[in-house]
Amino acid sequence: MAGKRVSRREFGRQAAGALGAFHIVPRHVLGRGYRPPSDTLSIACIGVGGMGRTDVTGVAGETIYALCDVDTKAAEDAFLSYPRAKRYRDFRELLDKDARSIDAVTVSTPDHTHAAIAMAALEAGKHVYCQKPLARTLSEVRALMTEARGRPQQATQMGNQGHAMEGTRLIREWVEAGLIGTVREVHYWTDRPIWPQGIDRPTEAHNVPPWLDWQLWLGPAADRPYTPAYAPFRWRGWWDFGTGALGDIACHAMDAAFWVLDLGFPSRIAAESSRLYAETAPKSSRIDYDFPAKGGRPAVKVVWRDGGILPPRPPQVAADAKWPPSMEGGQLWVGDGGALVAGMYGQEPRLLDEAKQKEVTATPLPVKYPRTEGVYKEWIAAAKAGSQPGSNFSGHAGPLTEMVLVGNLAVRLARPIELDPATGAVRSPEVPAEFITPAYRRGWAL
């Protein structure tokens, strides 16, 4: 980081005043049809390759003020597409130099750096959009929730785009209308991992590519030699950097059930998997979440399957009919009066009772939950209004991510774990502390 280094929290206090410099110019002063600069957010995008590139495009209706990535090769397309944007490798330098020039930040980096970057942006007084999962560990998620809760005027949003889609709202409207009766089970399956995992740490030596700042890529993680087994993309299967197939997809897939059924925390989680490795997630796993009765709903069982493990064929699906609907993944809701299937993002829900499906297609239920224009526009609108979008850190995204991540504890331990469903506290004493609260390199602690 160039210049005198200040602590992250001290910087946050100095930079938070930047929001006060945001002034609205009346439209009549500028003329009909003109969009005043004050109506446009100035956004810094941190992590702009891969999914980060999609996120840049998603917010491109605003001003892309700065682009930041530790990998200049991965960032090349974004750099060329937005030549006027400032370029950075180190997010700390970006916030140090340009905090007063930006209103909002997107975070689209590997899981292990989500918490550090999102926390720094929050403390700098910025609206924050962060890719899923919200963070890599439970302690990081809880720290972000606490920080966001104290900053209600800063719009926060996790990138689980299905929460802003129509399909998720249709599922809730159908379930609440009793179209499948009382929900008893929800099943998920995915073809993830689509990257190597269930492996040991490589021992061969590699030179760091000239376009990659390896130490910045490692961020809070313990130092280790570079290898293409980690970056780019392959980091997802390593516990020090990612959260495996569950962390990658379940914040999308489990979102609808978490919202519709008010799942909260399970009381017990049991997992089985292929061979376990110390540093990587297994090649395949099945995780059973048991949620106790809550409010007016009975107990619910949620079953997660990854690595190509498929759910059993429901009785409503004929033996000669295609099952499952997609090998890539999906979700099956089972009620005592029927069942429905949907995609991993809650998209294209369909009742397995063909007569009921035809009826609800011909005569749709009244819209009970307002539709949005998508995850990016929802976040931007909330930022301008000083409100919160649907999958905000403290109200939805954080609790959802916590619920997802506790499943990895059961996988890594290869034994059931017990939780307090009211608080999420892990009751099983054998869970290593570092699985919940990681050690950080000097200078990276939250």
Protein backbone atom coordinates (compact mmCIF):
# COMPACT_ATOMS: atom_id res chain seq x y z
CA MET A 1 0.00 0.00 0.00
CA ALA A 2 1.45 3.32 -1.03
CA GLY A 3 1.96 6.12 1.48
CA LYS A 4 1.60 6.08 5.26
CA ARG A 5 -0.35 3.05 6.45
CA VAL A 6 -3.24 3.60 8.81
CA SER A 7 -5.26 0.93 10.53
CA ARG A 8 -8.38 -0.23 8.73
CA ARG A 9 -10.66 1.06 11.48
CA GLU A 10 -8.89 4.41 11.68
CA PHE A 11 -9.24 4.75 7.94
CA GLY A 12 -12.93 3.96 8.20
CA ARG A 13 -13.43 6.81 10.66
CA GLN A 14 -11.57 9.22 8.38
CA ALA A 15 -13.35 8.16 5.20
CA ALA A 16 -16.91 7.77 6.43
CA GLY A 17 -17.48 11.47 5.95
CA ALA A 18 -17.40 10.92 2.22
CA LEU A 19 -21.12 10.12 2.22
CA GLY A 20 -21.79 13.62 3.44
CA ALA A 21 -20.37 15.04 0.21
CA PHE A 22 -23.12 13.44 -1.88
CA HIS A 23 -25.51 16.24 -2.96
CA ILE A 24 -28.69 16.05 -5.01
CA VAL A 25 -29.07 18.66 -7.75
CA PRO A 26 -32.74 19.34 -8.62
CA ARG A 27 -33.69 18.05 -12.07
CA HIS A 28 -35.28 21.35 -13.12
CA VAL A 29 -31.89 23.04 -12.82
CA LEU A 30 -30.38 20.69 -15.41
CA GLY A 31 -33.24 20.32 -17.87
CA ARG A 32 -35.80 17.71 -18.82
CA GLY A 33 -34.43 14.25 -19.57
CA TYR A 34 -31.00 14.96 -18.09
CA ARG A 35 -29.74 12.58 -15.43
CA PRO A 36 -27.81 14.70 -12.94
CA PRO A 37 -24.46 13.35 -11.73
CA SER A 38 -25.87 13.28 -8.21
CA ASP A 39 -28.40 10.66 -9.34
CA THR A 40 -25.57 8.38 -10.42
CA LEU A 41 -23.53 6.26 -8.02
CA SER A 42 -19.76 6.30 -8.34
CA ILE A 43 -18.77 2.64 -7.95
CA ALA A 44 -15.46 0.89 -7.32
CA CYS A 45 -15.41 -2.75 -8.41
CA ILE A 46 -12.98 -5.00 -6.53
CA GLY A 47 -12.39 -8.28 -8.31
CA VAL A 48 -13.33 -7.81 -11.97
CA GLY A 49 -12.54 -11.13 -13.66
CA GLY A 50 -14.85 -14.16 -13.82
CA MET A 51 -18.08 -13.47 -11.93
CA GLY A 52 -16.62 -10.10 -11.04
CA ARG A 53 -16.77 -9.16 -14.71
CA THR A 54 -20.49 -9.95 -14.68
CA ASP A 55 -20.91 -7.76 -11.61
CA VAL A 56 -19.17 -4.85 -13.32
CA THR A 57 -21.61 -5.15 -16.22
CA GLY A 58 -24.49 -5.37 -13.76
CA VAL A 59 -23.73 -1.96 -12.25
CA ALA A 60 -22.50 -0.30 -15.46
CA GLY A 61 -25.58 1.93 -15.63
CA GLU A 62 -23.86 3.93 -12.89
CA THR A 63 -20.35 5.40 -13.04
CA ILE A 64 -17.57 2.80 -12.94
CA TYR A 65 -15.02 4.96 -11.16
CA ALA A 66 -12.36 2.37 -10.33
CA LEU A 67 -11.47 -1.24 -11.12
CA CYS A 68 -9.30 -3.30 -8.80
CA ASP A 69 -7.88 -6.79 -9.26
CA VAL A 70 -4.75 -8.61 -8.11
CA ASP A 71 -4.74 -10.45 -11.47
CA THR A 72 -4.30 -8.01 -14.35
CA LYS A 73 -4.80 -10.76 -16.92
CA ALA A 74 -8.19 -11.69 -15.50
CA ALA A 75 -9.05 -7.99 -15.31
CA GLU A 76 -7.99 -7.19 -18.86
CA ASP A 77 -11.46 -7.25 -20.42
CA ALA A 78 -12.88 -4.96 -17.74
CA PHE A 79 -9.90 -2.61 -18.03
CA LEU A 80 -10.34 -2.35 -21.81
CA SER A 81 -14.13 -1.95 -21.57
CA TYR A 82 -13.90 0.93 -19.07
CA PRO A 83 -10.75 2.82 -20.07
CA ARG A 84 -11.63 5.89 -18.02
CA ALA A 85 -11.84 3.94 -14.76
CA LYS A 86 -8.89 4.14 -12.39
CA ARG A 87 -6.96 0.88 -12.04
CA TYR A 88 -5.71 -0.70 -8.83
CA ARG A 89 -4.30 -3.97 -7.57
CA ASP A 90 -4.66 -3.34 -3.84
CA PHE A 91 -8.14 -2.50 -2.53
CA ARG A 92 -6.56 -0.77 0.46
CA GLU A 93 -4.78 1.67 -1.81
CA LEU A 94 -8.02 2.29 -3.70
CA LEU A 95 -9.90 3.13 -0.51
CA ASP A 96 -6.98 5.16 0.82
CA LYS A 97 -6.74 7.36 -2.26
CA ASP A 98 -10.29 7.50 -3.60
CA ALA A 99 -12.72 7.02 -0.72
CA ARG A 100 -14.12 10.51 -1.21
CA SER A 101 -14.76 9.85 -4.90
CA ILE A 102 -16.82 6.68 -4.57
CA ASP A 103 -20.25 5.91 -3.13
CA ALA A 104 -20.38 2.13 -3.43
CA VAL A 105 -18.19 -0.95 -3.75
CA THR A 106 -18.67 -4.37 -5.31
CA VAL A 107 -16.66 -7.29 -3.91
CA SER A 108 -16.20 -10.22 -6.28
CA THR A 109 -13.04 -11.92 -5.02
CA PRO A 110 -12.30 -15.41 -3.64
CA ASP A 111 -14.25 -16.28 -0.50
CA HIS A 112 -11.33 -15.85 1.89
CA THR A 113 -11.01 -12.12 1.13
CA HIS A 114 -14.73 -11.22 1.18
CA ALA A 115 -14.81 -10.28 4.85
CA ALA A 116 -11.68 -8.09 4.85
CA ILE A 117 -12.73 -6.11 1.78
CA ALA A 118 -16.42 -5.79 2.62
CA MET A 119 -15.59 -4.70 6.18
CA ALA A 120 -13.13 -2.06 4.96
CA ALA A 121 -15.74 -0.72 2.52
CA LEU A 122 -18.42 -0.60 5.21
CA GLU A 123 -16.12 1.22 7.60
CA ALA A 124 -15.31 3.70 4.83
CA GLY A 125 -19.01 4.53 4.69
CA LYS A 126 -19.79 2.82 1.37
CA HIS A 127 -22.73 0.81 0.09
CA VAL A 128 -21.50 -2.76 -0.45
CA TYR A 129 -22.44 -5.53 -2.86
CA CYS A 130 -20.58 -8.77 -2.03
CA GLN A 131 -20.60 -12.06 -3.89
CA LYS A 132 -21.80 -15.21 -2.19
CA PRO A 133 -21.08 -16.77 0.20
CA LEU A 134 -20.94 -13.61 2.28
CA ALA A 135 -17.75 -14.84 3.94
CA ARG A 136 -15.70 -18.01 4.38
CA THR A 137 -16.27 -18.64 8.10
CA LEU A 138 -18.99 -18.17 10.69
CA SER A 139 -17.06 -15.56 12.68
CA GLU A 140 -16.52 -13.45 9.56
CA VAL A 141 -20.20 -13.59 8.64
CA ARG A 142 -21.18 -12.51 12.14
CA ALA A 143 -18.68 -9.64 12.12
CA LEU A 144 -20.11 -8.32 8.84
CA MET A 145 -23.67 -8.66 10.14
CA THR A 146 -22.81 -6.66 13.25
CA GLU A 147 -21.09 -3.92 11.27
CA ALA A 148 -23.88 -3.66 8.71
CA ARG A 149 -26.56 -3.59 11.40
CA GLY A 150 -25.03 -0.40 12.77
CA ARG A 151 -25.04 1.26 9.33
CA PRO A 152 -28.67 1.10 8.15
CA GLN A 153 -28.19 3.90 5.60
CA GLN A 154 -25.53 1.91 3.75
CA ALA A 155 -27.20 -0.56 1.39
CA THR A 156 -25.69 -4.04 1.56
CA GLN A 157 -26.47 -6.89 -0.80
CA MET A 158 -25.13 -10.41 -1.30
CA GLY A 159 -24.91 -11.69 -4.86
CA ASN A 160 -27.44 -14.52 -4.56
CA GLN A 161 -29.41 -13.19 -7.50
CA GLY A 162 -32.22 -15.73 -7.20
CA HIS A 163 -33.55 -13.85 -4.18
CA ALA A 164 -34.45 -10.97 -6.50
CA MET A 165 -35.98 -13.19 -9.21
CA GLU A 166 -39.62 -13.95 -9.88
CA GLY A 167 -39.22 -17.70 -9.36
CA THR A 168 -38.44 -17.35 -5.67
CA ARG A 169 -41.51 -15.17 -5.21
CA LEU A 170 -43.69 -17.62 -7.11
CA ILE A 171 -42.51 -20.46 -4.86
CA ARG A 172 -43.47 -18.48 -1.77
CA GLU A 173 -46.87 -17.54 -3.19
CA TRP A 174 -47.59 -21.15 -4.19
CA VAL A 175 -46.49 -22.59 -0.85
CA GLU A 176 -48.45 -20.04 1.15
CA ALA A 177 -51.51 -20.75 -1.01
CA GLY A 178 -51.25 -24.42 -0.03
CA LEU A 179 -50.61 -25.75 -3.56
CA ILE A 180 -48.36 -28.52 -2.20
CA GLY A 181 -49.76 -28.66 1.32
CA THR A 182 -47.50 -28.40 4.36
CA VAL A 183 -43.83 -28.65 3.38
CA ARG A 184 -42.02 -31.52 5.09
CA GLU A 185 -38.81 -31.89 3.07
CA VAL A 186 -36.67 -29.93 0.62
CA HIS A 187 -34.02 -31.69 -1.48
CA TYR A 188 -31.12 -30.15 -3.42
CA TRP A 189 -28.64 -31.60 -5.90
CA THR A 190 -25.78 -30.09 -7.89
CA ASP A 191 -23.05 -31.19 -10.29
CA ARG A 192 -20.58 -29.09 -8.29
CA PRO A 193 -17.69 -29.35 -7.73
CA ILE A 194 -16.68 -28.51 -11.28
CA TRP A 195 -13.15 -27.81 -10.02
CA PRO A 196 -10.62 -30.19 -8.40
CA GLN A 197 -11.18 -31.05 -4.75
CA GLY A 198 -10.75 -34.14 -2.64
CA ILE A 199 -6.97 -33.77 -3.17
CA ASP A 200 -3.80 -33.18 -1.17
CA ARG A 201 -1.68 -30.05 -1.31
CA PRO A 202 0.58 -30.09 -4.40
CA THR A 203 4.33 -30.27 -3.88
CA GLU A 204 5.69 -29.14 -7.25
CA ALA A 205 7.18 -25.64 -7.57
CA HIS A 206 5.77 -22.92 -9.86
CA ASN A 207 6.78 -19.38 -10.69
CA VAL A 208 4.18 -16.72 -9.94
CA PRO A 209 2.83 -15.36 -13.24
CA PRO A 210 3.90 -11.75 -13.85
CA TRP A 211 0.28 -10.61 -14.04
CA LEU A 212 -0.58 -11.90 -10.53
CA ASP A 213 0.29 -10.34 -7.17
CA TRP A 214 0.39 -13.53 -5.14
CA GLN A 215 0.75 -11.95 -1.71
CA LEU A 216 -2.28 -9.75 -2.31
CA TRP A 217 -4.20 -12.76 -3.60
CA LEU A 218 -3.41 -14.64 -0.37
CA GLY A 219 -4.57 -11.69 1.68
CA PRO A 220 -5.44 -12.95 5.19
CA ALA A 221 -4.53 -16.59 4.44
CA ALA A 222 -1.27 -18.14 5.63
CA ASP A 223 1.65 -17.79 3.26
CA ARG A 224 2.32 -20.65 0.86
CA PRO A 225 3.99 -21.03 -2.55
CA TYR A 226 1.97 -20.22 -5.63
CA THR A 227 0.56 -23.05 -7.73
CA PRO A 228 -2.13 -23.06 -10.45
CA ALA A 229 -3.91 -25.60 -8.22
CA TYR A 230 -5.20 -22.54 -6.33
CA ALA A 231 -5.63 -19.71 -8.79
CA PRO A 232 -7.43 -18.84 -10.86
CA PHE A 233 -10.81 -20.44 -10.08
CA ARG A 234 -9.55 -23.65 -8.45
CA TRP A 235 -9.46 -22.04 -5.02
CA ARG A 236 -13.09 -23.00 -4.30
CA GLY A 237 -12.26 -26.50 -3.12
CA TRP A 238 -9.54 -25.43 -0.63
CA TRP A 239 -10.75 -24.81 2.93
CA ASP A 240 -8.26 -21.95 3.39
CA PHE A 241 -9.70 -20.09 0.42
CA GLY A 242 -13.18 -21.40 -0.37
CA THR A 243 -16.18 -23.25 0.99
CA GLY A 244 -16.54 -26.17 -1.43
CA ALA A 245 -19.63 -27.06 -3.42
CA LEU A 246 -21.97 -26.27 -0.53
CA GLY A 247 -20.64 -22.74 -0.06
CA ASP A 248 -20.60 -22.09 -3.79
CA ILE A 249 -24.18 -23.04 -4.62
CA ALA A 250 -26.27 -23.36 -1.44
CA CYS A 251 -26.55 -19.58 -0.92
CA HIS A 252 -28.41 -19.68 -4.23
CA ALA A 253 -30.26 -22.96 -3.89
CA MET A 254 -31.32 -22.84 -0.23
CA ASP A 255 -32.33 -19.19 -0.41
CA ALA A 256 -35.99 -19.76 -1.28
CA ALA A 257 -36.58 -22.31 1.50
CA PHE A 258 -34.70 -20.19 4.02
CA TRP A 259 -36.97 -17.25 3.19
CA VAL A 260 -40.28 -19.00 2.56
CA LEU A 261 -40.11 -21.42 5.52
CA ASP A 262 -38.22 -19.09 7.88
CA LEU A 263 -35.76 -21.91 8.47
CA GLY A 264 -33.31 -20.13 10.75
CA PHE A 265 -30.78 -22.55 12.24
CA PRO A 266 -31.03 -26.33 12.28
CA SER A 267 -30.87 -28.28 15.53
CA ARG A 268 -28.81 -31.10 14.02
CA ILE A 269 -26.71 -31.69 10.91
CA ALA A 270 -25.37 -35.05 9.76
CA ALA A 271 -23.14 -35.55 6.73
CA GLU A 272 -21.64 -38.39 4.73
CA SER A 273 -19.10 -37.99 1.98
CA SER A 274 -16.43 -39.50 -0.18
CA ARG A 275 -12.91 -39.68 1.26
CA LEU A 276 -11.96 -36.69 3.43
CA TYR A 277 -8.80 -34.65 2.97
CA ALA A 278 -7.28 -32.22 5.46
CA GLU A 279 -7.17 -29.18 3.19
CA THR A 280 -9.90 -29.68 0.60
CA ALA A 281 -13.60 -30.42 0.51
CA PRO A 282 -14.56 -33.96 -0.57
CA LYS A 283 -15.48 -34.91 -4.11
CA SER A 284 -19.09 -35.60 -3.10
CA SER A 285 -21.26 -35.32 -0.04
CA ARG A 286 -24.79 -35.59 1.35
CA ILE A 287 -25.78 -33.30 4.21
CA ASP A 288 -29.00 -33.66 6.22
CA TYR A 289 -30.24 -30.55 8.03
CA ASP A 290 -32.95 -31.04 10.67
CA PHE A 291 -34.93 -27.88 11.41
CA PRO A 292 -37.26 -28.00 14.43
CA ALA A 293 -40.84 -26.72 14.35
CA LYS A 294 -40.96 -22.93 14.34
CA GLY A 295 -43.91 -20.60 14.60
CA GLY A 296 -46.79 -22.19 12.74
CA ARG A 297 -44.76 -24.65 10.66
CA PRO A 298 -43.77 -28.19 11.62
CA ALA A 299 -40.25 -29.62 11.55
CA VAL A 300 -38.55 -29.65 8.15
CA LYS A 301 -35.77 -31.85 6.78
CA VAL A 302 -33.44 -30.32 4.19
CA VAL A 303 -31.15 -32.64 2.23
CA TRP A 304 -28.15 -31.39 0.25
CA ARG A 305 -26.39 -33.56 -2.35
CA ASP A 306 -23.32 -32.61 -4.39
CA GLY A 307 -20.74 -34.29 -6.59
CA GLY A 308 -23.38 -35.83 -8.84
CA ILE A 309 -25.43 -37.55 -6.13
CA LEU A 310 -29.07 -37.36 -7.21
CA PRO A 311 -32.32 -37.35 -5.20
CA PRO A 312 -34.74 -40.28 -5.49
CA ARG A 313 -37.51 -40.06 -8.07
CA PRO A 314 -40.70 -38.62 -6.52
CA PRO A 315 -43.82 -40.82 -6.81
CA GLN A 316 -45.45 -38.09 -8.92
CA VAL A 317 -42.83 -38.58 -11.68
CA ALA A 318 -43.49 -41.51 -14.01
CA ALA A 319 -40.83 -44.18 -14.37
CA ASP A 320 -40.28 -43.30 -18.03
CA ALA A 321 -40.19 -39.52 -17.45
CA LYS A 322 -36.97 -37.54 -17.20
CA TRP A 323 -35.56 -37.32 -13.68
CA PRO A 324 -34.04 -35.16 -12.41
CA PRO A 325 -35.12 -32.19 -14.53
CA SER A 326 -31.50 -31.01 -14.79
CA MET A 327 -28.25 -32.84 -14.09
CA GLU A 328 -26.63 -29.49 -13.29
CA GLY A 329 -28.78 -29.11 -10.20
CA GLY A 330 -32.12 -28.15 -8.79
CA GLN A 331 -34.49 -28.32 -5.85
CA LEU A 332 -37.44 -30.50 -4.93
CA TRP A 333 -40.02 -29.38 -2.37
CA VAL A 334 -42.13 -32.15 -0.85
CA GLY A 335 -45.40 -31.32 0.93
CA ASP A 336 -48.15 -33.50 2.28
CA GLY A 337 -50.33 -32.33 -0.61
CA GLY A 338 -47.93 -32.37 -3.53
CA ALA A 339 -44.46 -31.37 -4.69
CA LEU A 340 -42.69 -28.80 -6.83
CA VAL A 341 -39.34 -28.53 -8.57
CA ALA A 342 -37.27 -25.49 -9.51
CA GLY A 343 -33.81 -24.55 -10.68
CA MET A 344 -30.88 -23.84 -8.38
CA TYR A 345 -31.73 -20.13 -8.34
CA GLY A 346 -35.42 -20.79 -7.74
CA GLN A 347 -36.08 -20.17 -11.42
CA GLU A 348 -38.84 -21.85 -13.43
CA PRO A 349 -40.74 -23.47 -10.56
CA ARG A 350 -43.16 -26.19 -11.61
CA LEU A 351 -45.78 -28.20 -9.71
CA LEU A 352 -45.44 -31.96 -10.23
CA ASP A 353 -49.22 -32.24 -10.26
CA GLU A 354 -49.83 -31.46 -13.95
CA ALA A 355 -53.47 -30.50 -13.41
CA LYS A 356 -52.55 -27.99 -10.71
CA GLN A 357 -49.74 -26.63 -12.86
CA LYS A 358 -52.08 -26.05 -15.79
CA GLU A 359 -54.55 -24.34 -13.50
CA VAL A 360 -52.02 -21.98 -11.92
CA THR A 361 -50.60 -21.19 -15.35
CA ALA A 362 -54.02 -20.39 -16.78
CA THR A 363 -55.11 -18.46 -13.69
CA PRO A 364 -52.06 -17.13 -11.83
CA LEU A 365 -52.34 -16.36 -8.16
CA PRO A 366 -52.50 -12.67 -7.18
CA VAL A 367 -49.04 -11.13 -6.84
CA LYS A 368 -48.33 -11.05 -3.11
CA TYR A 369 -44.61 -10.29 -3.16
CA PRO A 370 -43.52 -7.40 -5.42
CA ARG A 371 -41.15 -8.27 -8.26
CA THR A 372 -37.81 -6.51 -8.65
CA GLU A 373 -35.74 -5.44 -11.63
CA GLY A 374 -32.94 -7.79 -10.59
CA VAL A 375 -30.25 -7.96 -7.96
CA TYR A 376 -28.11 -5.08 -9.23
CA LYS A 377 -30.89 -2.56 -9.78
CA GLU A 378 -32.43 -3.51 -6.45
CA TRP A 379 -29.15 -2.75 -4.65
CA ILE A 380 -28.56 0.50 -6.54
CA ALA A 381 -32.09 1.72 -5.86
CA ALA A 382 -31.69 0.94 -2.16
CA ALA A 383 -28.36 2.79 -2.05
CA LYS A 384 -29.97 5.90 -3.52
CA ALA A 385 -32.95 5.67 -1.19
CA GLY A 386 -30.92 4.97 1.97
CA SER A 387 -32.79 1.68 2.46
CA GLN A 388 -31.93 -2.02 2.31
CA PRO A 389 -32.47 -4.52 -0.53
CA GLY A 390 -33.82 -8.03 0.02
CA SER A 391 -30.61 -9.99 0.56
CA ASN A 392 -28.97 -7.45 2.86
CA PHE A 393 -26.12 -8.51 5.14
CA SER A 394 -27.78 -8.34 8.55
CA GLY A 395 -31.38 -9.24 7.74
CA HIS A 396 -31.09 -12.07 5.22
CA ALA A 397 -27.71 -12.74 3.59
CA GLY A 398 -25.78 -13.16 6.83
CA PRO A 399 -28.21 -15.58 8.53
CA LEU A 400 -28.57 -17.53 5.26
CA THR A 401 -24.79 -17.86 4.89
CA GLU A 402 -24.44 -18.98 8.50
CA MET A 403 -27.05 -21.69 7.97
CA VAL A 404 -25.22 -22.87 4.87
CA LEU A 405 -21.73 -22.86 6.38
CA VAL A 406 -22.59 -24.93 9.45
CA GLY A 407 -23.11 -27.79 7.00
CA ASN A 408 -19.39 -27.77 6.22
CA LEU A 409 -18.62 -28.33 9.90
CA ALA A 410 -20.46 -31.64 9.80
CA VAL A 411 -18.67 -32.61 6.58
CA ARG A 412 -15.21 -31.85 7.93
CA LEU A 413 -15.83 -33.65 11.24
CA ALA A 414 -17.52 -36.68 9.64
CA ARG A 415 -19.92 -36.82 12.57
CA PRO A 416 -23.25 -35.15 13.38
CA ILE A 417 -23.18 -31.79 15.11
CA GLU A 418 -25.77 -30.21 17.37
CA LEU A 419 -26.70 -26.53 17.35
CA ASP A 420 -28.89 -24.22 19.38
CA PRO A 421 -31.58 -23.41 16.80
CA ALA A 422 -32.39 -20.15 18.56
CA THR A 423 -28.86 -18.68 18.35
CA GLY A 424 -26.86 -20.85 15.97
CA ALA A 425 -24.34 -21.63 18.70
CA VAL A 426 -22.51 -24.89 18.00
CA ARG A 427 -23.10 -27.24 20.92
CA SER A 428 -20.75 -29.98 19.77
CA PRO A 429 -17.48 -29.43 21.69
CA GLU A 430 -15.30 -31.29 19.19
CA VAL A 431 -15.51 -28.57 16.49
CA PRO A 432 -12.01 -27.03 16.21
CA ALA A 433 -12.01 -23.30 16.93
CA GLU A 434 -10.18 -22.51 13.68
CA PHE A 435 -13.10 -23.93 11.69
CA ILE A 436 -15.21 -21.09 13.08
CA THR A 437 -12.71 -18.30 13.79
CA PRO A 438 -9.64 -18.41 11.52
CA ALA A 439 -6.16 -17.11 12.25
CA TYR A 440 -5.13 -14.20 10.03
CA ARG A 441 -1.83 -12.97 8.76
CA ARG A 442 -0.57 -9.84 10.48
CA GLY A 443 -2.43 -6.77 9.32
CA TRP A 444 -5.48 -8.64 8.02
CA ALA A 445 -7.54 -9.28 11.16
CA LEU A 446 -11.10 -7.94 11.15
